[in-house]
Every structure is written in structure tokens, then in C-alpha cells.
Amino acid sequence: MYTMYMALHINNPAVEQKVREMALAAGESITDAIGKAADERIARLRPSEVDPASPNVDEILELMRSFKLKPINTELTNDEILGYGPDGICE
């Protein structure tokens, strides 16, 4: 099997300088630095396969406390709020 590699040619001097600085800071070759940077960017751009952590009870309670809740339907009786009609049957 024959594998062909193509050189990467950067026409923008500012971008080339950034790549060289990145490689120097990482202590890597330019090729390795570009490869790792590309891998990291691809990983950020792909949708995460892991579900975000579910909030814990304390986080949910804190969120609930953050709302300025006011009573609603204050003219309704407790039975009406629960859905019971005058005959005691849930509507």
C-alpha cells in the first residue's frame, strides 16, 4: 500500500508565526503541534457524546429560590386548585 503525504503550505506570515510560537511553547515539532491543535479543535466542535451532569438537589433548590415566586389563583379554594368541583369529584 502506498501512502502519500502532502505538505501544508501557510501563506499568511502571521498564522505561520503563531504556529511556530505554539510549537515552541509546547516543545513539539510544528507538525505535532498542528496535529494536536487540530485534534483539540475537532473535539470541541463535535457534539459531546456524554450527557452533561445532572444537577443535584442543592442546585435545583438554589435555582428554585432564585425565582421571585408569587402566589397565583389566590381567589381559588384549595379544592378548586386540586381540580375538585362542588360535588367533590375531580374534573
PDB file of N, CA and C in Angstrom:
ATOM      1  N   MET A   1       0.847  -1.173   0.000  1.00  0.00           N
ATOM      2  CA  MET A   1       0.000   0.000   0.000  1.00  0.00           C
ATOM      3  C   MET A   1       0.892   1.236   0.000  1.00  0.00           C
ATOM      4  N   TYR A   2       0.548   2.207  -0.764  1.00  0.00           N
ATOM      5  CA  TYR A   2       1.326   3.424  -0.901  1.00  0.00           C
ATOM      6  C   TYR A   2       0.593   4.569  -0.218  1.00  0.00           C
ATOM      7  N   THR A   3       1.291   5.258   0.672  1.00  0.00           N
ATOM      8  CA  THR A   3       0.712   6.401   1.352  1.00  0.00           C
ATOM      9  C   THR A   3       1.425   7.658   0.896  1.00  0.00           C
ATOM     10  N   MET A   4       0.640   8.649   0.549  1.00  0.00           N
ATOM     11  CA  MET A   4       1.231   9.894   0.081  1.00  0.00           C
ATOM     12  C   MET A   4       0.912  11.006   1.074  1.00  0.00           C
ATOM     13  N   TYR A   5       1.908  11.761   1.461  1.00  0.00           N
ATOM     14  CA  TYR A   5       1.716  12.883   2.358  1.00  0.00           C
ATOM     15  C   TYR A   5       1.885  14.170   1.576  1.00  0.00           C
ATOM     16  N   MET A   6       1.062  15.150   1.901  1.00  0.00           N
ATOM     17  CA  MET A   6       1.146  16.426   1.222  1.00  0.00           C
ATOM     18  C   MET A   6       1.560  17.472   2.244  1.00  0.00           C
ATOM     19  N   ALA A   7       2.499  18.304   1.887  1.00  0.00           N
ATOM     20  CA  ALA A   7       2.966  19.357   2.784  1.00  0.00           C
ATOM     21  C   ALA A   7       1.876  20.402   2.974  1.00  0.00           C
ATOM     22  N   LEU A   8       1.889  21.008   4.128  1.00  0.00           N
ATOM     23  CA  LEU A   8       0.968  22.099   4.427  1.00  0.00           C
ATOM     24  C   LEU A   8       1.708  23.406   4.145  1.00  0.00           C
ATOM     25  N   HIS A   9       1.149  24.219   3.299  1.00  0.00           N
ATOM     26  CA  HIS A   9       1.788  25.482   2.932  1.00  0.00           C
ATOM     27  C   HIS A   9       0.957  26.617   3.507  1.00  0.00           C
ATOM     28  N   ILE A  10       1.574  27.406   4.383  1.00  0.00           N
ATOM     29  CA  ILE A  10       0.874  28.513   5.025  1.00  0.00           C
ATOM     30  C   ILE A  10       1.307  29.809   4.354  1.00  0.00           C
ATOM     31  N   ASN A  11       0.358  30.497   3.741  1.00  0.00           N
ATOM     32  CA  ASN A  11       0.644  31.725   3.005  1.00  0.00           C
ATOM     33  C   ASN A  11       0.581  32.979   3.866  1.00  0.00           C
ATOM     34  N   ASN A  12       0.052  32.869   5.067  1.00  0.00           N
ATOM     35  CA  ASN A  12      -0.135  34.027   5.935  1.00  0.00           C
ATOM     36  C   ASN A  12       0.996  34.062   6.958  1.00  0.00           C
ATOM     37  N   PRO A  13       1.870  35.077   6.909  1.00  0.00           N
ATOM     38  CA  PRO A  13       3.003  35.136   7.838  1.00  0.00           C
ATOM     39  C   PRO A  13       2.590  35.192   9.311  1.00  0.00           C
ATOM     40  N   ALA A  14       1.483  35.864   9.609  1.00  0.00           N
ATOM     41  CA  ALA A  14       1.027  35.944  11.000  1.00  0.00           C
ATOM     42  C   ALA A  14       0.612  34.575  11.515  1.00  0.00           C
ATOM     43  N   VAL A  15      -0.086  33.806  10.683  1.00  0.00           N
ATOM     44  CA  VAL A  15      -0.513  32.462  11.075  1.00  0.00           C
ATOM     45  C   VAL A  15       0.710  31.556  11.235  1.00  0.00           C
ATOM     46  N   GLU A  16       1.658  31.671  10.324  1.00  0.00           N
ATOM     47  CA  GLU A  16       2.878  30.861  10.418  1.00  0.00           C
ATOM     48  C   GLU A  16       3.617  31.163  11.722  1.00  0.00           C
ATOM     49  N   GLN A  17       3.674  32.423  12.100  1.00  0.00           N
ATOM     50  CA  GLN A  17       4.346  32.795  13.343  1.00  0.00           C
ATOM     51  C   GLN A  17       3.620  32.215  14.553  1.00  0.00           C
ATOM     52  N   LYS A  18       2.301  32.259  14.523  1.00  0.00           N
ATOM     53  CA  LYS A  18       1.517  31.687  15.628  1.00  0.00           C
ATOM     54  C   LYS A  18       1.788  30.193  15.766  1.00  0.00           C
ATOM     55  N   VAL A  19       1.849  29.495  14.635  1.00  0.00           N
ATOM     56  CA  VAL A  19       2.105  28.054  14.661  1.00  0.00           C
ATOM     57  C   VAL A  19       3.490  27.773  15.227  1.00  0.00           C
ATOM     58  N   ARG A  20       4.461  28.558  14.819  1.00  0.00           N
ATOM     59  CA  ARG A  20       5.826  28.379  15.336  1.00  0.00           C
ATOM     60  C   ARG A  20       5.876  28.655  16.841  1.00  0.00           C
ATOM     61  N   GLU A  21       5.205  29.698  17.296  1.00  0.00           N
ATOM     62  CA  GLU A  21       5.165  30.007  18.727  1.00  0.00           C
ATOM     63  C   GLU A  21       4.477  28.890  19.510  1.00  0.00           C
ATOM     64  N   MET A  22       3.387  28.345  18.946  1.00  0.00           N
ATOM     65  CA  MET A  22       2.666  27.258  19.605  1.00  0.00           C
ATOM     66  C   MET A  22       3.568  26.037  19.748  1.00  0.00           C
ATOM     67  N   ALA A  23       4.274  25.692  18.682  1.00  0.00           N
ATOM     68  CA  ALA A  23       5.158  24.526  18.709  1.00  0.00           C
ATOM     69  C   ALA A  23       6.291  24.730  19.709  1.00  0.00           C
ATOM     70  N   LEU A  24       6.858  25.924  19.730  1.00  0.00           N
ATOM     71  CA  LEU A  24       7.954  26.219  20.649  1.00  0.00           C
ATOM     72  C   LEU A  24       7.479  26.148  22.101  1.00  0.00           C
ATOM     73  N   ALA A  25       6.311  26.738  22.371  1.00  0.00           N
ATOM     74  CA  ALA A  25       5.771  26.733  23.734  1.00  0.00           C
ATOM     75  C   ALA A  25       5.451  25.319  24.208  1.00  0.00           C
ATOM     76  N   ALA A  26       5.017  24.472  23.274  1.00  0.00           N
ATOM     77  CA  ALA A  26       4.655  23.096  23.628  1.00  0.00           C
ATOM     78  C   ALA A  26       5.860  22.165  23.602  1.00  0.00           C
ATOM     79  N   GLY A  27       6.982  22.652  23.056  1.00  0.00           N
ATOM     80  CA  GLY A  27       8.164  21.794  22.951  1.00  0.00           C
ATOM     81  C   GLY A  27       7.965  20.674  21.949  1.00  0.00           C
ATOM     82  N   GLU A  28       7.237  20.957  20.898  1.00  0.00           N
ATOM     83  CA  GLU A  28       6.908  19.954  19.880  1.00  0.00           C
ATOM     84  C   GLU A  28       7.388  20.433  18.520  1.00  0.00           C
ATOM     85  N   SER A  29       7.379  19.503  17.584  1.00  0.00           N
ATOM     86  CA  SER A  29       7.645  19.905  16.205  1.00  0.00           C
ATOM     87  C   SER A  29       6.418  20.648  15.693  1.00  0.00           C
ATOM     88  N   ILE A  30       6.590  21.399  14.633  1.00  0.00           N
ATOM     89  CA  ILE A  30       5.468  22.126  14.042  1.00  0.00           C
ATOM     90  C   ILE A  30       4.385  21.149  13.604  1.00  0.00           C
ATOM     91  N   THR A  31       4.786  20.033  13.029  1.00  0.00           N
ATOM     92  CA  THR A  31       3.813  19.032  12.570  1.00  0.00           C
ATOM     93  C   THR A  31       2.995  18.492  13.736  1.00  0.00           C
ATOM     94  N   ASP A  32       3.681  18.127  14.843  1.00  0.00           N
ATOM     95  CA  ASP A  32       2.961  17.607  16.008  1.00  0.00           C
ATOM     96  C   ASP A  32       2.050  18.662  16.627  1.00  0.00           C
ATOM     97  N   ALA A  33       2.540  19.892  16.694  1.00  0.00           N
ATOM     98  CA  ALA A  33       1.739  20.963  17.285  1.00  0.00           C
ATOM     99  C   ALA A  33       0.476  21.214  16.475  1.00  0.00           C
ATOM    100  N   ILE A  34       0.602  21.244  15.154  1.00  0.00           N
ATOM    101  CA  ILE A  34      -0.570  21.458  14.300  1.00  0.00           C
ATOM    102  C   ILE A  34      -1.529  20.276  14.429  1.00  0.00           C
ATOM    103  N   GLY A  35      -0.994  19.077  14.458  1.00  0.00           N
ATOM    104  CA  GLY A  35      -1.849  17.895  14.586  1.00  0.00           C
ATOM    105  C   GLY A  35      -2.634  17.889  15.878  1.00  0.00           C
ATOM    106  N   LYS A  36      -1.968  18.192  16.995  1.00  0.00           N
ATOM    107  CA  LYS A  36      -2.668  18.210  18.286  1.00  0.00           C
ATOM    108  C   LYS A  36      -3.685  19.349  18.350  1.00  0.00           C
ATOM    109  N   ALA A  37      -3.310  20.502  17.792  1.00  0.00           N
ATOM    110  CA  ALA A  37      -4.253  21.631  17.780  1.00  0.00           C
ATOM    111  C   ALA A  37      -5.494  21.277  16.964  1.00  0.00           C
ATOM    112  N   ALA A  38      -5.287  20.602  15.844  1.00  0.00           N
ATOM    113  CA  ALA A  38      -6.429  20.188  15.015  1.00  0.00           C
ATOM    114  C   ALA A  38      -7.294  19.183  15.765  1.00  0.00           C
ATOM    115  N   ASP A  39      -6.661  18.217  16.451  1.00  0.00           N
ATOM    116  CA  ASP A  39      -7.422  17.232  17.234  1.00  0.00           C
ATOM    117  C   ASP A  39      -8.254  17.903  18.315  1.00  0.00           C
ATOM    118  N   GLU A  40      -7.649  18.860  19.022  1.00  0.00           N
ATOM    119  CA  GLU A  40      -8.373  19.557  20.092  1.00  0.00           C
ATOM    120  C   GLU A  40      -9.546  20.353  19.539  1.00  0.00           C
ATOM    121  N   ARG A  41      -9.350  21.016  18.415  1.00  0.00           N
ATOM    122  CA  ARG A  41     -10.441  21.811  17.822  1.00  0.00           C
ATOM    123  C   ARG A  41     -11.565  20.910  17.339  1.00  0.00           C
ATOM    124  N   ILE A  42     -11.208  19.795  16.706  1.00  0.00           N
ATOM    125  CA  ILE A  42     -12.231  18.851  16.240  1.00  0.00           C
ATOM    126  C   ILE A  42     -13.034  18.337  17.429  1.00  0.00           C
ATOM    127  N   ALA A  43     -12.359  18.013  18.526  1.00  0.00           N
ATOM    128  CA  ALA A  43     -13.056  17.514  19.718  1.00  0.00           C
ATOM    129  C   ALA A  43     -14.020  18.564  20.270  1.00  0.00           C
ATOM    130  N   ARG A  44     -13.646  19.844  20.227  1.00  0.00           N
ATOM    131  CA  ARG A  44     -14.539  20.905  20.712  1.00  0.00           C
ATOM    132  C   ARG A  44     -15.724  21.118  19.789  1.00  0.00           C
ATOM    133  N   LEU A  45     -15.527  20.927  18.502  1.00  0.00           N
ATOM    134  CA  LEU A  45     -16.598  21.199  17.540  1.00  0.00           C
ATOM    135  C   LEU A  45     -17.602  20.066  17.424  1.00  0.00           C
ATOM    136  N   ARG A  46     -17.180  18.866  17.736  1.00  0.00           N
ATOM    137  CA  ARG A  46     -18.107  17.729  17.665  1.00  0.00           C
ATOM    138  C   ARG A  46     -19.058  17.774  18.845  1.00  0.00           C
ATOM    139  N   PRO A  47     -20.308  17.366  18.611  1.00  0.00           N
ATOM    140  CA  PRO A  47     -21.237  17.321  19.740  1.00  0.00           C
ATOM    141  C   PRO A  47     -20.758  16.296  20.758  1.00  0.00           C
ATOM    142  N   SER A  48     -20.913  16.648  22.000  1.00  0.00           N
ATOM    143  CA  SER A  48     -20.482  15.756  23.075  1.00  0.00           C
ATOM    144  C   SER A  48     -21.361  14.511  23.103  1.00  0.00           C
ATOM    145  N   GLU A  49     -20.725  13.371  23.253  1.00  0.00           N
ATOM    146  CA  GLU A  49     -21.469  12.108  23.334  1.00  0.00           C
ATOM    147  C   GLU A  49     -21.881  11.808  24.772  1.00  0.00           C
ATOM    148  N   VAL A  50     -21.306  12.545  25.715  1.00  0.00           N
ATOM    149  CA  VAL A  50     -21.603  12.333  27.126  1.00  0.00           C
ATOM    150  C   VAL A  50     -22.642  13.358  27.552  1.00  0.00           C
ATOM    151  N   ASP A  51     -23.675  12.894  28.254  1.00  0.00           N
ATOM    152  CA  ASP A  51     -24.692  13.810  28.755  1.00  0.00           C
ATOM    153  C   ASP A  51     -24.077  14.700  29.826  1.00  0.00           C
ATOM    154  N   PRO A  52     -24.448  15.966  29.840  1.00  0.00           N
ATOM    155  CA  PRO A  52     -23.934  16.820  30.903  1.00  0.00           C
ATOM    156  C   PRO A  52     -24.416  16.314  32.258  1.00  0.00           C
ATOM    157  N   ALA A  53     -23.664  16.599  33.273  1.00  0.00           N
ATOM    158  CA  ALA A  53     -24.017  16.117  34.614  1.00  0.00           C
ATOM    159  C   ALA A  53     -25.390  16.656  35.019  1.00  0.00           C
ATOM    160  N   SER A  54     -26.178  15.797  35.607  1.00  0.00           N
ATOM    161  CA  SER A  54     -27.490  16.212  36.090  1.00  0.00           C
ATOM    162  C   SER A  54     -27.308  17.071  37.331  1.00  0.00           C
ATOM    163  N   PRO A  55     -28.128  18.083  37.496  1.00  0.00           N
ATOM    164  CA  PRO A  55     -27.989  18.924  38.692  1.00  0.00           C
ATOM    165  C   PRO A  55     -28.344  18.129  39.942  1.00  0.00           C
ATOM    166  N   ASN A  56     -27.678  18.455  41.040  1.00  0.00           N
ATOM    167  CA  ASN A  56     -28.007  17.776  42.288  1.00  0.00           C
ATOM    168  C   ASN A  56     -29.129  18.529  42.994  1.00  0.00           C
ATOM    169  N   VAL A  57     -29.586  18.002  44.105  1.00  0.00           N
ATOM    170  CA  VAL A  57     -30.731  18.565  44.818  1.00  0.00           C
ATOM    171  C   VAL A  57     -30.448  19.999  45.252  1.00  0.00           C
ATOM    172  N   ASP A  58     -29.242  20.241  45.760  1.00  0.00           N
ATOM    173  CA  ASP A  58     -28.915  21.590  46.226  1.00  0.00           C
ATOM    174  C   ASP A  58     -28.956  22.600  45.083  1.00  0.00           C
ATOM    175  N   GLU A  59     -28.481  22.216  43.898  1.00  0.00           N
ATOM    176  CA  GLU A  59     -28.507  23.117  42.744  1.00  0.00           C
ATOM    177  C   GLU A  59     -29.939  23.418  42.316  1.00  0.00           C
ATOM    178  N   ILE A  60     -30.793  22.420  42.355  1.00  0.00           N
ATOM    179  CA  ILE A  60     -32.203  22.619  41.989  1.00  0.00           C
ATOM    180  C   ILE A  60     -32.890  23.536  42.995  1.00  0.00           C
ATOM    181  N   LEU A  61     -32.633  23.307  44.288  1.00  0.00           N
ATOM    182  CA  LEU A  61     -33.242  24.156  45.307  1.00  0.00           C
ATOM    183  C   LEU A  61     -32.757  25.595  45.187  1.00  0.00           C
ATOM    184  N   GLU A  62     -31.472  25.789  44.911  1.00  0.00           N
ATOM    185  CA  GLU A  62     -30.931  27.137  44.734  1.00  0.00           C
ATOM    186  C   GLU A  62     -31.590  27.833  43.541  1.00  0.00           C
ATOM    187  N   LEU A  63     -31.799  27.092  42.466  1.00  0.00           N
ATOM    188  CA  LEU A  63     -32.468  27.650  41.297  1.00  0.00           C
ATOM    189  C   LEU A  63     -33.901  28.046  41.641  1.00  0.00           C
ATOM    190  N   MET A  64     -34.590  27.192  42.382  1.00  0.00           N
ATOM    191  CA  MET A  64     -35.974  27.491  42.763  1.00  0.00           C
ATOM    192  C   MET A  64     -36.034  28.744  43.646  1.00  0.00           C
ATOM    193  N   ARG A  65     -35.050  28.876  44.549  1.00  0.00           N
ATOM    194  CA  ARG A  65     -35.025  30.051  45.426  1.00  0.00           C
ATOM    195  C   ARG A  65     -34.735  31.331  44.650  1.00  0.00           C
ATOM    196  N   SER A  66     -34.090  31.219  43.526  1.00  0.00           N
ATOM    197  CA  SER A  66     -33.717  32.404  42.761  1.00  0.00           C
ATOM    198  C   SER A  66     -34.911  33.043  42.051  1.00  0.00           C
ATOM    199  N   PHE A  67     -35.998  32.310  41.899  1.00  0.00           N
ATOM    200  CA  PHE A  67     -37.188  32.868  41.263  1.00  0.00           C
ATOM    201  C   PHE A  67     -37.991  33.659  42.277  1.00  0.00           C
ATOM    202  N   LYS A  68     -38.528  34.767  41.830  1.00  0.00           N
ATOM    203  CA  LYS A  68     -39.380  35.593  42.687  1.00  0.00           C
ATOM    204  C   LYS A  68     -40.810  35.077  42.542  1.00  0.00           C
ATOM    205  N   LEU A  69     -41.105  34.012  43.269  1.00  0.00           N
ATOM    206  CA  LEU A  69     -42.405  33.361  43.124  1.00  0.00           C
ATOM    207  C   LEU A  69     -43.476  34.122  43.899  1.00  0.00           C
ATOM    208  N   LYS A  70     -44.622  34.272  43.271  1.00  0.00           N
ATOM    209  CA  LYS A  70     -45.769  34.903  43.893  1.00  0.00           C
ATOM    210  C   LYS A  70     -46.941  33.945  43.757  1.00  0.00           C
ATOM    211  N   PRO A  71     -47.836  33.949  44.727  1.00  0.00           N
ATOM    212  CA  PRO A  71     -48.992  33.063  44.636  1.00  0.00           C
ATOM    213  C   PRO A  71     -49.841  33.403  43.413  1.00  0.00           C
ATOM    214  N   ILE A  72     -50.389  32.364  42.800  1.00  0.00           N
ATOM    215  CA  ILE A  72     -51.298  32.564  41.677  1.00  0.00           C
ATOM    216  C   ILE A  72     -52.653  31.984  42.046  1.00  0.00           C
ATOM    217  N   ASN A  73     -53.655  32.449  41.393  1.00  0.00           N
ATOM    218  CA  ASN A  73     -55.015  31.961  41.628  1.00  0.00           C
ATOM    219  C   ASN A  73     -55.384  32.030  43.108  1.00  0.00           C
ATOM    220  N   THR A  74     -55.117  33.154  43.735  1.00  0.00           N
ATOM    221  CA  THR A  74     -55.406  33.291  45.168  1.00  0.00           C
ATOM    222  C   THR A  74     -56.901  33.301  45.451  1.00  0.00           C
ATOM    223  N   GLU A  75     -57.702  33.511  44.421  1.00  0.00           N
ATOM    224  CA  GLU A  75     -59.160  33.515  44.644  1.00  0.00           C
ATOM    225  C   GLU A  75     -59.752  32.102  44.629  1.00  0.00           C
ATOM    226  N   LEU A  76     -58.951  31.092  44.298  1.00  0.00           N
ATOM    227  CA  LEU A  76     -59.451  29.719  44.251  1.00  0.00           C
ATOM    228  C   LEU A  76     -59.315  29.057  45.616  1.00  0.00           C
ATOM    229  N   THR A  77     -60.242  28.162  45.905  1.00  0.00           N
ATOM    230  CA  THR A  77     -60.141  27.375  47.134  1.00  0.00           C
ATOM    231  C   THR A  77     -59.130  26.250  46.906  1.00  0.00           C
ATOM    232  N   ASN A  78     -58.696  25.622  47.994  1.00  0.00           N
ATOM    233  CA  ASN A  78     -57.753  24.509  47.869  1.00  0.00           C
ATOM    234  C   ASN A  78     -58.323  23.387  47.013  1.00  0.00           C
ATOM    235  N   ASP A  79     -59.606  23.098  47.183  1.00  0.00           N
ATOM    236  CA  ASP A  79     -60.228  22.045  46.374  1.00  0.00           C
ATOM    237  C   ASP A  79     -60.229  22.423  44.889  1.00  0.00           C
ATOM    238  N   GLU A  80     -60.516  23.671  44.593  1.00  0.00           N
ATOM    239  CA  GLU A  80     -60.514  24.112  43.197  1.00  0.00           C
ATOM    240  C   GLU A  80     -59.104  24.034  42.596  1.00  0.00           C
ATOM    241  N   ILE A  81     -58.106  24.375  43.391  1.00  0.00           N
ATOM    242  CA  ILE A  81     -56.725  24.281  42.905  1.00  0.00           C
ATOM    243  C   ILE A  81     -56.394  22.836  42.559  1.00  0.00           C
ATOM    244  N   LEU A  82     -56.858  21.902  43.369  1.00  0.00           N
ATOM    245  CA  LEU A  82     -56.598  20.483  43.115  1.00  0.00           C
ATOM    246  C   LEU A  82     -57.471  19.919  41.998  1.00  0.00           C
ATOM    247  N   GLY A  83     -58.489  20.674  41.587  1.00  0.00           N
ATOM    248  CA  GLY A  83     -59.313  20.232  40.474  1.00  0.00           C
ATOM    249  C   GLY A  83     -60.642  19.629  40.884  1.00  0.00           C
ATOM    250  N   TYR A  84     -61.002  19.747  42.159  1.00  0.00           N
ATOM    251  CA  TYR A  84     -62.277  19.193  42.606  1.00  0.00           C
ATOM    252  C   TYR A  84     -63.386  20.201  42.420  1.00  0.00           C
ATOM    253  N   GLY A  85     -64.494  19.741  41.917  1.00  0.00           N
ATOM    254  CA  GLY A  85     -65.642  20.591  41.714  1.00  0.00           C
ATOM    255  C   GLY A  85     -66.508  20.652  42.969  1.00  0.00           C
ATOM    256  N   PRO A  86     -67.634  21.350  42.894  1.00  0.00           N
ATOM    257  CA  PRO A  86     -68.510  21.497  44.065  1.00  0.00           C
ATOM    258  C   PRO A  86     -69.094  20.173  44.550  1.00  0.00           C
ATOM    259  N   ASP A  87     -69.152  19.161  43.652  1.00  0.00           N
ATOM    260  CA  ASP A  87     -69.705  17.861  44.055  1.00  0.00           C
ATOM    261  C   ASP A  87     -68.631  16.945  44.613  1.00  0.00           C
ATOM    262  N   GLY A  88     -67.368  17.436  44.735  1.00  0.00           N
ATOM    263  CA  GLY A  88     -66.297  16.644  45.313  1.00  0.00           C
ATOM    264  C   GLY A  88     -65.618  15.697  44.331  1.00  0.00           C
ATOM    265  N   ILE A  89     -66.009  15.801  43.058  1.00  0.00           N
ATOM    266  CA  ILE A  89     -65.411  14.931  42.041  1.00  0.00           C
ATOM    267  C   ILE A  89     -64.362  15.727  41.276  1.00  0.00           C
ATOM    268  N   CYS A  90     -63.247  15.053  41.036  1.00  0.00           N
ATOM    269  CA  CYS A  90     -62.169  15.717  40.304  1.00  0.00           C
ATOM    270  C   CYS A  90     -62.599  15.871  38.855  1.00  0.00           C
ATOM    271  N   GLU A  91     -62.471  17.074  38.345  1.00  0.00           N
ATOM    272  CA  GLU A  91     -62.920  17.351  36.987  1.00  0.00           C
ATOM    273  C   GLU A  91     -61.855  17.013  35.981  1.00  0.00           C
TER     274      GLU A  91
END
